Amino acid sequence: MAFSDIVQELKEFDINELSVENIGSWPMPVKIIAWVVVFVVVLALGYFYHIAEMQASLAKEQRKEQDLKSQFERKAFQAANLVAYRKQMEEMEESFGALVSQLPSDTEVPGLLEDITNKGLSSGLNISSITLGNERAEEFYIELPIQIEVTGTYHDLGTFVSGVASLPRIVTLHDFKIMQDKSSSTLIMTITAKTYRYKDLEGNDA
């Protein structure tokens, strides 16, 4: 069939006569055009579906690549600073040892009580009571609270608190309560001093 014949047949064909039910009676040029259109549509759908799948796979691989880069950078940073970390660890161990040496043992608690008493007397205070509380075990240390009640002037109380805080052993001060002594012009202070000793994980305290 010549090209001019195809063009003439298309001109004479009424597109309104097209029906899927009588597709077999369509003119050959129309059939060819329909096949080409269907082929292009199928090809396009397949292409875009395949591209979408490839894009999803690419995005997944890019995320994986980014995770691997982050891991590599983190490990490279750790490796580059390994010497500094080891030096820092040694310094921390030395500091920890120094702190542990400041923690009193059981036999040193009476000496600590004596130091607190001497600080109170040297500050010009009257010591009403010093009472040991119950020990409380933490993960790495044992905490011993000491209830203290003293009487004196505001200045003397400040000197006493400063003196206790500067003891060579680790002592922390908590729960300050100050009230006026009704029988005199002095002040009554109750305070909790906490001292600590190292918890020997291999000993009886474990």
N, C-alpha and C. Protein backbone atom coordinates (compact mmCIF):
# COMPACT_ATOMS: atom_id res chain seq x y z
N MET A 1 0.86 -1.19 0.00
CA MET A 1 0.00 0.00 0.00
C MET A 1 0.89 1.24 0.00
N ALA A 2 0.60 2.11 -0.98
CA ALA A 2 1.40 3.32 -1.10
C ALA A 2 1.05 4.29 0.01
N PHE A 3 1.98 5.20 0.31
CA PHE A 3 1.79 6.18 1.39
C PHE A 3 0.60 7.07 1.08
N SER A 4 0.41 7.41 -0.23
CA SER A 4 -0.72 8.27 -0.61
C SER A 4 -2.03 7.56 -0.37
N ASP A 5 -2.04 6.24 -0.57
CA ASP A 5 -3.26 5.46 -0.34
C ASP A 5 -3.59 5.46 1.16
N ILE A 6 -2.55 5.36 2.01
CA ILE A 6 -2.78 5.37 3.45
C ILE A 6 -3.36 6.70 3.90
N VAL A 7 -2.79 7.79 3.36
CA VAL A 7 -3.28 9.12 3.72
C VAL A 7 -4.72 9.28 3.27
N GLN A 8 -5.03 8.81 2.07
CA GLN A 8 -6.38 8.93 1.55
C GLN A 8 -7.37 8.13 2.39
N GLU A 9 -6.93 6.93 2.82
CA GLU A 9 -7.82 6.08 3.63
C GLU A 9 -8.10 6.72 4.98
N LEU A 10 -7.05 7.38 5.54
CA LEU A 10 -7.24 8.04 6.84
C LEU A 10 -8.18 9.23 6.71
N LYS A 11 -8.12 9.93 5.57
CA LYS A 11 -9.00 11.07 5.36
C LYS A 11 -10.45 10.62 5.25
N GLU A 12 -10.67 9.49 4.59
CA GLU A 12 -12.02 9.00 4.39
C GLU A 12 -12.59 8.32 5.64
N PHE A 13 -11.73 7.97 6.60
CA PHE A 13 -12.20 7.24 7.78
C PHE A 13 -12.77 8.20 8.81
N ASP A 14 -13.92 7.86 9.34
CA ASP A 14 -14.58 8.65 10.39
C ASP A 14 -14.14 8.11 11.75
N ILE A 15 -13.44 8.96 12.53
CA ILE A 15 -12.91 8.51 13.83
C ILE A 15 -14.01 8.11 14.80
N ASN A 16 -15.25 8.62 14.55
CA ASN A 16 -16.36 8.27 15.43
C ASN A 16 -16.78 6.81 15.27
N GLU A 17 -16.31 6.18 14.20
CA GLU A 17 -16.66 4.79 13.95
C GLU A 17 -15.76 3.83 14.73
N LEU A 18 -14.73 4.39 15.37
CA LEU A 18 -13.81 3.53 16.14
C LEU A 18 -14.52 2.96 17.36
N SER A 19 -14.38 1.69 17.54
CA SER A 19 -14.93 1.02 18.72
C SER A 19 -14.05 -0.17 19.04
N VAL A 20 -13.83 -0.37 20.32
CA VAL A 20 -13.00 -1.50 20.74
C VAL A 20 -13.64 -2.82 20.35
N GLU A 21 -14.97 -2.81 20.28
CA GLU A 21 -15.68 -4.06 19.97
C GLU A 21 -15.44 -4.50 18.53
N ASN A 22 -15.22 -3.57 17.63
CA ASN A 22 -14.98 -3.93 16.23
C ASN A 22 -13.57 -3.56 15.80
N ILE A 23 -12.61 -3.75 16.73
CA ILE A 23 -11.23 -3.38 16.44
C ILE A 23 -10.67 -4.12 15.24
N GLY A 24 -11.24 -5.32 14.99
CA GLY A 24 -10.75 -6.08 13.84
C GLY A 24 -11.08 -5.45 12.52
N SER A 25 -12.11 -4.60 12.48
CA SER A 25 -12.51 -3.96 11.22
C SER A 25 -11.87 -2.61 11.02
N TRP A 26 -11.01 -2.21 11.97
CA TRP A 26 -10.35 -0.91 11.79
C TRP A 26 -9.45 -0.95 10.56
N PRO A 27 -9.30 0.16 9.90
CA PRO A 27 -8.36 0.21 8.78
C PRO A 27 -6.94 -0.07 9.26
N MET A 28 -6.16 -0.63 8.41
CA MET A 28 -4.79 -1.00 8.77
C MET A 28 -3.98 0.21 9.26
N PRO A 29 -4.07 1.37 8.62
CA PRO A 29 -3.29 2.51 9.14
C PRO A 29 -3.68 2.86 10.58
N VAL A 30 -5.00 2.79 10.90
CA VAL A 30 -5.44 3.11 12.25
C VAL A 30 -4.91 2.07 13.23
N LYS A 31 -4.95 0.80 12.80
CA LYS A 31 -4.42 -0.25 13.67
C LYS A 31 -2.94 -0.01 13.97
N ILE A 32 -2.21 0.37 12.92
CA ILE A 32 -0.77 0.60 13.10
C ILE A 32 -0.54 1.74 14.09
N ILE A 33 -1.30 2.82 13.92
CA ILE A 33 -1.16 3.96 14.83
C ILE A 33 -1.51 3.55 16.26
N ALA A 34 -2.59 2.78 16.41
CA ALA A 34 -3.01 2.32 17.75
C ALA A 34 -1.94 1.45 18.38
N TRP A 35 -1.36 0.55 17.57
CA TRP A 35 -0.29 -0.32 18.10
C TRP A 35 0.92 0.52 18.53
N VAL A 36 1.25 1.49 17.71
CA VAL A 36 2.40 2.34 18.05
C VAL A 36 2.14 3.10 19.36
N VAL A 37 0.91 3.65 19.49
CA VAL A 37 0.56 4.39 20.71
C VAL A 37 0.63 3.48 21.93
N VAL A 38 0.02 2.28 21.80
CA VAL A 38 0.03 1.33 22.93
C VAL A 38 1.46 0.94 23.26
N PHE A 39 2.27 0.69 22.24
CA PHE A 39 3.66 0.29 22.47
C PHE A 39 4.43 1.39 23.20
N VAL A 40 4.22 2.64 22.76
CA VAL A 40 4.91 3.77 23.40
C VAL A 40 4.46 3.92 24.85
N VAL A 41 3.16 3.80 25.10
CA VAL A 41 2.64 3.93 26.47
C VAL A 41 3.21 2.84 27.37
N VAL A 42 3.18 1.59 26.86
CA VAL A 42 3.73 0.49 27.66
C VAL A 42 5.21 0.68 27.92
N LEU A 43 5.91 1.10 26.86
CA LEU A 43 7.35 1.33 27.00
C LEU A 43 7.61 2.44 28.02
N ALA A 44 6.82 3.51 27.97
CA ALA A 44 7.01 4.63 28.90
C ALA A 44 6.70 4.22 30.34
N LEU A 45 5.60 3.48 30.52
CA LEU A 45 5.23 3.02 31.86
C LEU A 45 6.32 2.11 32.45
N GLY A 46 6.78 1.19 31.63
CA GLY A 46 7.84 0.29 32.08
C GLY A 46 9.12 1.04 32.42
N TYR A 47 9.43 2.03 31.58
CA TYR A 47 10.64 2.81 31.80
C TYR A 47 10.56 3.58 33.12
N PHE A 48 9.45 4.29 33.30
CA PHE A 48 9.32 5.09 34.52
C PHE A 48 9.22 4.22 35.77
N TYR A 49 8.57 3.07 35.66
CA TYR A 49 8.51 2.17 36.81
C TYR A 49 9.90 1.66 37.16
N HIS A 50 10.65 1.31 36.13
CA HIS A 50 12.02 0.83 36.36
C HIS A 50 12.89 1.93 36.93
N ILE A 51 12.73 3.16 36.40
CA ILE A 51 13.51 4.30 36.89
C ILE A 51 13.17 4.59 38.36
N ALA A 52 11.87 4.53 38.70
CA ALA A 52 11.47 4.79 40.09
C ALA A 52 12.09 3.77 41.03
N GLU A 53 12.09 2.51 40.60
CA GLU A 53 12.69 1.45 41.42
C GLU A 53 14.19 1.67 41.57
N MET A 54 14.83 2.07 40.49
CA MET A 54 16.26 2.33 40.54
C MET A 54 16.57 3.53 41.43
N GLN A 55 15.71 4.57 41.38
CA GLN A 55 15.91 5.74 42.22
C GLN A 55 15.78 5.39 43.69
N ALA A 56 14.80 4.56 44.02
CA ALA A 56 14.64 4.12 45.42
C ALA A 56 15.86 3.34 45.87
N SER A 57 16.34 2.45 44.99
CA SER A 57 17.53 1.67 45.33
C SER A 57 18.76 2.57 45.47
N LEU A 58 18.85 3.58 44.61
CA LEU A 58 19.97 4.52 44.67
C LEU A 58 19.94 5.32 45.98
N ALA A 59 18.74 5.79 46.35
CA ALA A 59 18.61 6.54 47.60
C ALA A 59 19.01 5.67 48.80
N LYS A 60 18.62 4.40 48.77
CA LYS A 60 18.98 3.48 49.84
C LYS A 60 20.50 3.30 49.93
N GLU A 61 21.13 3.14 48.78
CA GLU A 61 22.58 2.98 48.77
C GLU A 61 23.29 4.27 49.20
N GLN A 62 22.72 5.42 48.84
CA GLN A 62 23.32 6.69 49.25
C GLN A 62 23.25 6.86 50.76
N ARG A 63 22.11 6.46 51.36
CA ARG A 63 22.00 6.52 52.82
C ARG A 63 23.00 5.58 53.48
N LYS A 64 23.13 4.39 52.90
CA LYS A 64 24.10 3.44 53.45
C LYS A 64 25.52 3.98 53.33
N GLU A 65 25.80 4.63 52.21
CA GLU A 65 27.12 5.22 52.00
C GLU A 65 27.38 6.31 53.04
N GLN A 66 26.35 7.15 53.32
CA GLN A 66 26.50 8.22 54.30
C GLN A 66 26.75 7.66 55.69
N ASP A 67 26.04 6.56 56.04
CA ASP A 67 26.24 5.92 57.35
C ASP A 67 27.67 5.39 57.46
N LEU A 68 28.14 4.76 56.39
CA LEU A 68 29.50 4.22 56.41
C LEU A 68 30.53 5.34 56.52
N LYS A 69 30.27 6.45 55.84
CA LYS A 69 31.19 7.59 55.94
C LYS A 69 31.22 8.14 57.36
N SER A 70 30.04 8.23 57.98
CA SER A 70 29.97 8.73 59.36
C SER A 70 30.73 7.81 60.31
N GLN A 71 30.54 6.49 60.13
CA GLN A 71 31.26 5.53 60.96
C GLN A 71 32.77 5.64 60.76
N PHE A 72 33.15 5.77 59.50
CA PHE A 72 34.57 5.88 59.20
C PHE A 72 35.17 7.13 59.83
N GLU A 73 34.45 8.27 59.69
CA GLU A 73 34.95 9.52 60.26
C GLU A 73 35.06 9.43 61.77
N ARG A 74 34.06 8.81 62.40
CA ARG A 74 34.08 8.67 63.86
C ARG A 74 35.25 7.79 64.31
N LYS A 75 35.43 6.67 63.63
CA LYS A 75 36.53 5.76 64.00
C LYS A 75 37.89 6.37 63.69
N ALA A 76 37.95 7.12 62.58
CA ALA A 76 39.21 7.78 62.24
C ALA A 76 39.56 8.84 63.29
N PHE A 77 38.53 9.57 63.76
CA PHE A 77 38.76 10.58 64.80
C PHE A 77 39.22 9.92 66.09
N GLN A 78 38.58 8.81 66.45
CA GLN A 78 38.97 8.09 67.66
C GLN A 78 40.40 7.57 67.55
N ALA A 79 40.74 7.03 66.37
CA ALA A 79 42.10 6.51 66.19
C ALA A 79 43.13 7.62 66.25
N ALA A 80 42.79 8.77 65.66
CA ALA A 80 43.73 9.90 65.66
C ALA A 80 43.94 10.45 67.06
N ASN A 81 42.92 10.32 67.92
CA ASN A 81 43.01 10.86 69.28
C ASN A 81 43.25 9.79 70.33
N LEU A 82 43.63 8.59 69.89
CA LEU A 82 43.82 7.49 70.83
C LEU A 82 44.89 7.81 71.87
N VAL A 83 45.99 8.39 71.43
CA VAL A 83 47.07 8.73 72.35
C VAL A 83 46.60 9.75 73.38
N ALA A 84 45.85 10.75 72.90
CA ALA A 84 45.33 11.77 73.82
C ALA A 84 44.35 11.16 74.81
N TYR A 85 43.52 10.21 74.33
CA TYR A 85 42.57 9.55 75.22
C TYR A 85 43.30 8.75 76.30
N ARG A 86 44.35 8.06 75.90
CA ARG A 86 45.10 7.26 76.88
C ARG A 86 45.75 8.16 77.92
N LYS A 87 46.29 9.30 77.47
CA LYS A 87 46.89 10.23 78.41
C LYS A 87 45.84 10.79 79.35
N GLN A 88 44.68 11.12 78.79
CA GLN A 88 43.59 11.63 79.62
C GLN A 88 43.14 10.58 80.64
N MET A 89 43.09 9.32 80.20
CA MET A 89 42.70 8.24 81.12
C MET A 89 43.70 8.11 82.25
N GLU A 90 44.99 8.21 81.93
CA GLU A 90 46.01 8.14 82.98
C GLU A 90 45.86 9.29 83.98
N GLU A 91 45.57 10.48 83.45
CA GLU A 91 45.38 11.63 84.34
C GLU A 91 44.15 11.44 85.22
N MET A 92 43.09 10.88 84.64
CA MET A 92 41.87 10.63 85.42
C MET A 92 42.13 9.59 86.51
N GLU A 93 42.92 8.56 86.18
CA GLU A 93 43.24 7.54 87.18
C GLU A 93 44.05 8.15 88.32
N GLU A 94 44.97 9.05 87.98
CA GLU A 94 45.76 9.72 89.02
C GLU A 94 44.85 10.59 89.90
N SER A 95 43.94 11.33 89.26
CA SER A 95 43.02 12.18 90.01
C SER A 95 42.11 11.34 90.89
N PHE A 96 41.66 10.21 90.34
CA PHE A 96 40.79 9.32 91.12
C PHE A 96 41.54 8.77 92.33
N GLY A 97 42.81 8.41 92.10
CA GLY A 97 43.61 7.92 93.22
C GLY A 97 43.79 8.97 94.30
N ALA A 98 43.98 10.23 93.86
CA ALA A 98 44.13 11.31 94.84
C ALA A 98 42.86 11.52 95.63
N LEU A 99 41.72 11.42 94.96
CA LEU A 99 40.44 11.58 95.66
C LEU A 99 40.19 10.42 96.62
N VAL A 100 40.52 9.22 96.18
CA VAL A 100 40.32 8.05 97.06
C VAL A 100 41.16 8.18 98.31
N SER A 101 42.36 8.74 98.17
CA SER A 101 43.23 8.88 99.35
C SER A 101 42.64 9.85 100.37
N GLN A 102 41.70 10.71 99.91
CA GLN A 102 41.06 11.64 100.83
C GLN A 102 39.85 11.04 101.52
N LEU A 103 39.43 9.87 101.07
CA LEU A 103 38.27 9.23 101.70
C LEU A 103 38.72 8.49 102.95
N PRO A 104 38.12 8.79 104.09
CA PRO A 104 38.54 8.14 105.33
C PRO A 104 38.13 6.69 105.37
N SER A 105 38.90 5.88 106.05
CA SER A 105 38.52 4.49 106.32
C SER A 105 37.72 4.47 107.62
N ASP A 106 37.24 3.30 107.99
CA ASP A 106 36.45 3.19 109.22
C ASP A 106 37.23 3.69 110.43
N THR A 107 38.52 3.36 110.47
CA THR A 107 39.33 3.71 111.64
C THR A 107 39.62 5.20 111.71
N GLU A 108 39.42 5.94 110.59
CA GLU A 108 39.73 7.36 110.57
C GLU A 108 38.53 8.23 110.92
N VAL A 109 37.33 7.65 111.02
CA VAL A 109 36.14 8.44 111.33
C VAL A 109 36.26 9.14 112.68
N PRO A 110 36.74 8.48 113.74
CA PRO A 110 36.91 9.22 115.01
C PRO A 110 37.82 10.43 114.86
N GLY A 111 38.87 10.30 114.06
CA GLY A 111 39.76 11.42 113.83
C GLY A 111 39.05 12.55 113.11
N LEU A 112 38.15 12.18 112.17
CA LEU A 112 37.39 13.19 111.45
C LEU A 112 36.45 13.93 112.40
N LEU A 113 35.82 13.18 113.30
CA LEU A 113 34.93 13.82 114.28
C LEU A 113 35.72 14.77 115.18
N GLU A 114 36.92 14.38 115.51
CA GLU A 114 37.77 15.24 116.34
C GLU A 114 38.14 16.51 115.57
N ASP A 115 38.42 16.38 114.28
CA ASP A 115 38.75 17.55 113.46
C ASP A 115 37.56 18.51 113.40
N ILE A 116 36.35 17.96 113.23
CA ILE A 116 35.16 18.81 113.18
C ILE A 116 34.96 19.52 114.51
N THR A 117 35.17 18.79 115.60
CA THR A 117 35.03 19.40 116.93
C THR A 117 36.03 20.53 117.12
N ASN A 118 37.27 20.29 116.73
CA ASN A 118 38.30 21.32 116.87
C ASN A 118 37.99 22.55 116.02
N LYS A 119 37.43 22.33 114.82
CA LYS A 119 37.06 23.47 113.97
C LYS A 119 35.97 24.30 114.64
N GLY A 120 35.03 23.61 115.28
CA GLY A 120 33.96 24.33 115.97
C GLY A 120 34.48 25.14 117.13
N LEU A 121 35.34 24.53 117.94
CA LEU A 121 35.87 25.23 119.12
C LEU A 121 36.77 26.39 118.72
N SER A 122 37.59 26.18 117.68
CA SER A 122 38.49 27.24 117.25
C SER A 122 37.73 28.39 116.59
N SER A 123 36.50 28.12 116.14
CA SER A 123 35.68 29.17 115.55
C SER A 123 34.88 29.92 116.61
N GLY A 124 35.01 29.51 117.87
CA GLY A 124 34.30 30.18 118.95
C GLY A 124 32.88 29.70 119.15
N LEU A 125 32.56 28.50 118.68
CA LEU A 125 31.21 27.97 118.79
C LEU A 125 31.07 27.05 119.99
N ASN A 126 29.85 26.94 120.45
CA ASN A 126 29.51 25.92 121.43
C ASN A 126 28.89 24.75 120.67
N ILE A 127 29.47 23.57 120.84
CA ILE A 127 29.00 22.40 120.11
C ILE A 127 27.96 21.68 120.96
N SER A 128 26.74 21.67 120.49
CA SER A 128 25.66 21.02 121.22
C SER A 128 25.68 19.51 121.01
N SER A 129 25.89 19.08 119.76
CA SER A 129 25.91 17.64 119.48
C SER A 129 26.54 17.36 118.13
N ILE A 130 27.17 16.20 118.04
CA ILE A 130 27.68 15.66 116.77
C ILE A 130 27.29 14.20 116.75
N THR A 131 26.39 13.83 115.84
CA THR A 131 25.82 12.48 115.84
C THR A 131 26.04 11.81 114.49
N LEU A 132 26.56 10.58 114.53
CA LEU A 132 26.74 9.82 113.29
C LEU A 132 25.40 9.25 112.84
N GLY A 133 25.12 9.37 111.53
CA GLY A 133 23.92 8.78 110.96
C GLY A 133 24.19 7.40 110.42
N ASN A 134 23.23 6.83 109.73
CA ASN A 134 23.39 5.50 109.13
C ASN A 134 24.10 5.61 107.78
N GLU A 135 25.02 4.71 107.55
CA GLU A 135 25.74 4.69 106.28
C GLU A 135 24.80 4.33 105.13
N ARG A 136 25.09 4.88 103.97
CA ARG A 136 24.32 4.56 102.77
C ARG A 136 25.29 4.17 101.66
N ALA A 137 25.08 2.98 101.14
CA ALA A 137 25.99 2.45 100.12
C ALA A 137 25.57 2.93 98.74
N GLU A 138 26.51 3.52 98.01
CA GLU A 138 26.32 3.87 96.61
C GLU A 138 27.13 2.88 95.77
N GLU A 139 27.23 3.16 94.47
CA GLU A 139 27.88 2.18 93.59
C GLU A 139 29.36 2.03 93.89
N PHE A 140 30.06 3.15 94.13
CA PHE A 140 31.50 3.09 94.31
C PHE A 140 31.96 3.59 95.68
N TYR A 141 31.06 4.04 96.51
CA TYR A 141 31.49 4.59 97.80
C TYR A 141 30.41 4.40 98.85
N ILE A 142 30.82 4.59 100.10
CA ILE A 142 29.90 4.55 101.24
C ILE A 142 29.76 5.97 101.78
N GLU A 143 28.54 6.41 101.94
CA GLU A 143 28.27 7.76 102.44
C GLU A 143 27.89 7.70 103.92
N LEU A 144 28.53 8.54 104.71
CA LEU A 144 28.25 8.59 106.15
C LEU A 144 27.80 10.01 106.52
N PRO A 145 26.52 10.20 106.89
CA PRO A 145 26.06 11.52 107.31
C PRO A 145 26.38 11.78 108.79
N ILE A 146 26.71 13.01 109.09
CA ILE A 146 27.01 13.42 110.47
C ILE A 146 26.15 14.64 110.79
N GLN A 147 25.26 14.49 111.77
CA GLN A 147 24.39 15.59 112.17
C GLN A 147 25.12 16.46 113.20
N ILE A 148 25.20 17.75 112.92
CA ILE A 148 25.95 18.68 113.78
C ILE A 148 25.01 19.81 114.23
N GLU A 149 25.09 20.14 115.51
CA GLU A 149 24.35 21.29 116.03
C GLU A 149 25.31 22.15 116.84
N VAL A 150 25.43 23.42 116.47
CA VAL A 150 26.35 24.34 117.14
C VAL A 150 25.65 25.66 117.42
N THR A 151 26.22 26.42 118.35
CA THR A 151 25.66 27.71 118.73
C THR A 151 26.76 28.76 118.70
N GLY A 152 26.46 29.93 118.13
CA GLY A 152 27.44 31.01 118.09
C GLY A 152 26.92 32.17 117.27
N THR A 153 27.82 33.10 116.98
CA THR A 153 27.44 34.26 116.18
C THR A 153 27.46 33.90 114.69
N TYR A 154 26.88 34.80 113.89
CA TYR A 154 26.82 34.57 112.45
C TYR A 154 28.23 34.46 111.86
N HIS A 155 29.12 35.31 112.31
CA HIS A 155 30.50 35.28 111.82
C HIS A 155 31.18 33.97 112.21
N ASP A 156 30.97 33.51 113.43
CA ASP A 156 31.59 32.25 113.89
C ASP A 156 31.04 31.06 113.10
N LEU A 157 29.76 31.08 112.80
CA LEU A 157 29.18 29.99 112.01
C LEU A 157 29.81 29.94 110.63
N GLY A 158 30.01 31.11 110.02
CA GLY A 158 30.65 31.15 108.71
C GLY A 158 32.07 30.63 108.74
N THR A 159 32.81 30.97 109.80
CA THR A 159 34.18 30.49 109.95
C THR A 159 34.21 28.97 110.10
N PHE A 160 33.26 28.43 110.87
CA PHE A 160 33.18 26.99 111.08
C PHE A 160 32.88 26.25 109.78
N VAL A 161 31.90 26.73 109.03
CA VAL A 161 31.53 26.09 107.76
C VAL A 161 32.71 26.10 106.80
N SER A 162 33.41 27.22 106.72
CA SER A 162 34.58 27.32 105.84
C SER A 162 35.67 26.36 106.29
N GLY A 163 35.87 26.24 107.60
CA GLY A 163 36.91 25.35 108.12
C GLY A 163 36.61 23.90 107.84
N VAL A 164 35.34 23.49 108.02
CA VAL A 164 34.97 22.09 107.75
C VAL A 164 35.13 21.78 106.26
N ALA A 165 34.74 22.71 105.41
CA ALA A 165 34.84 22.49 103.96
C ALA A 165 36.29 22.39 103.48
N SER A 166 37.23 22.94 104.25
CA SER A 166 38.63 22.93 103.84
C SER A 166 39.42 21.78 104.46
N LEU A 167 38.74 20.87 105.15
CA LEU A 167 39.44 19.72 105.73
C LEU A 167 40.09 18.89 104.62
N PRO A 168 41.22 18.23 104.91
CA PRO A 168 41.89 17.44 103.87
C PRO A 168 41.06 16.25 103.40
N ARG A 169 40.19 15.74 104.25
CA ARG A 169 39.28 14.67 103.82
C ARG A 169 38.09 15.29 103.11
N ILE A 170 37.45 14.49 102.26
CA ILE A 170 36.29 14.98 101.52
C ILE A 170 35.09 15.03 102.46
N VAL A 171 34.59 16.24 102.71
CA VAL A 171 33.41 16.45 103.53
C VAL A 171 32.52 17.47 102.82
N THR A 172 31.27 17.11 102.59
CA THR A 172 30.32 18.03 101.97
C THR A 172 29.26 18.41 103.01
N LEU A 173 28.74 19.63 102.89
CA LEU A 173 27.80 20.16 103.87
C LEU A 173 26.42 20.33 103.22
N HIS A 174 25.37 19.95 103.96
CA HIS A 174 24.01 19.96 103.42
C HIS A 174 23.02 20.40 104.50
N ASP A 175 21.83 20.79 104.04
CA ASP A 175 20.68 21.03 104.91
C ASP A 175 20.98 22.02 106.04
N PHE A 176 21.39 23.21 105.67
CA PHE A 176 21.63 24.26 106.68
C PHE A 176 20.30 24.70 107.29
N LYS A 177 20.29 24.84 108.58
CA LYS A 177 19.14 25.43 109.28
C LYS A 177 19.68 26.33 110.40
N ILE A 178 19.30 27.59 110.37
CA ILE A 178 19.78 28.56 111.37
C ILE A 178 18.56 29.22 112.02
N MET A 179 18.57 29.28 113.34
CA MET A 179 17.48 29.92 114.06
C MET A 179 18.05 30.71 115.25
N GLN A 180 17.26 31.65 115.72
CA GLN A 180 17.67 32.49 116.85
C GLN A 180 17.53 31.71 118.15
N ASP A 181 18.56 31.79 118.99
CA ASP A 181 18.49 31.20 120.32
C ASP A 181 17.65 32.13 121.21
N LYS A 182 16.52 31.61 121.68
CA LYS A 182 15.59 32.45 122.44
C LYS A 182 16.18 32.93 123.76
N SER A 183 17.14 32.18 124.29
CA SER A 183 17.70 32.55 125.60
C SER A 183 18.89 33.50 125.49
N SER A 184 19.35 33.77 124.28
CA SER A 184 20.50 34.66 124.10
C SER A 184 20.43 35.28 122.71
N SER A 185 21.43 36.07 122.38
CA SER A 185 21.47 36.73 121.08
C SER A 185 22.23 35.92 120.04
N THR A 186 22.62 34.70 120.42
CA THR A 186 23.37 33.86 119.49
C THR A 186 22.43 33.09 118.56
N LEU A 187 23.05 32.42 117.60
CA LEU A 187 22.30 31.64 116.62
C LEU A 187 22.56 30.16 116.83
N ILE A 188 21.54 29.36 116.52
CA ILE A 188 21.69 27.89 116.57
C ILE A 188 21.67 27.38 115.13
N MET A 189 22.68 26.63 114.77
CA MET A 189 22.76 26.08 113.41
C MET A 189 22.80 24.56 113.47
N THR A 190 21.93 23.94 112.71
CA THR A 190 22.00 22.49 112.50
C THR A 190 22.40 22.26 111.05
N ILE A 191 23.28 21.33 110.86
CA ILE A 191 23.82 21.09 109.52
C ILE A 191 24.19 19.62 109.40
N THR A 192 24.10 19.09 108.20
CA THR A 192 24.49 17.70 107.94
C THR A 192 25.79 17.70 107.15
N ALA A 193 26.82 17.12 107.75
CA ALA A 193 28.10 16.94 107.04
C ALA A 193 28.15 15.50 106.54
N LYS A 194 28.52 15.32 105.30
CA LYS A 194 28.62 13.97 104.74
C LYS A 194 30.06 13.69 104.36
N THR A 195 30.57 12.57 104.86
CA THR A 195 31.90 12.11 104.47
C THR A 195 31.76 10.78 103.75
N TYR A 196 32.80 10.38 103.10
CA TYR A 196 32.70 9.22 102.20
C TYR A 196 33.93 8.34 102.35
N ARG A 197 33.73 7.07 102.11
CA ARG A 197 34.86 6.14 102.04
C ARG A 197 34.68 5.25 100.83
N TYR A 198 35.79 4.83 100.29
CA TYR A 198 35.77 4.03 99.06
C TYR A 198 35.14 2.69 99.33
N LYS A 199 34.26 2.28 98.40
CA LYS A 199 33.61 0.98 98.54
C LYS A 199 34.49 -0.08 97.91
N ASP A 200 35.05 -0.94 98.76
CA ASP A 200 35.92 -2.02 98.28
C ASP A 200 35.07 -3.11 97.69
N LEU A 201 35.05 -3.18 96.33
CA LEU A 201 34.19 -4.15 95.65
C LEU A 201 34.62 -5.59 95.89
N GLU A 202 35.86 -5.79 96.31
CA GLU A 202 36.32 -7.16 96.56
C GLU A 202 36.24 -7.52 98.03
N GLY A 203 35.84 -6.55 98.86
CA GLY A 203 35.82 -6.79 100.28
C GLY A 203 34.41 -7.03 100.77
N ASN A 204 34.19 -6.73 102.04
CA ASN A 204 32.92 -7.01 102.64
C ASN A 204 31.82 -6.04 102.18
N ASP A 205 32.25 -4.89 101.62
CA ASP A 205 31.28 -3.90 101.18
C ASP A 205 30.72 -4.18 99.82
N ALA A 206 31.19 -5.22 99.13
CA ALA A 206 30.76 -5.51 97.75
C ALA A 206 29.31 -5.93 97.74
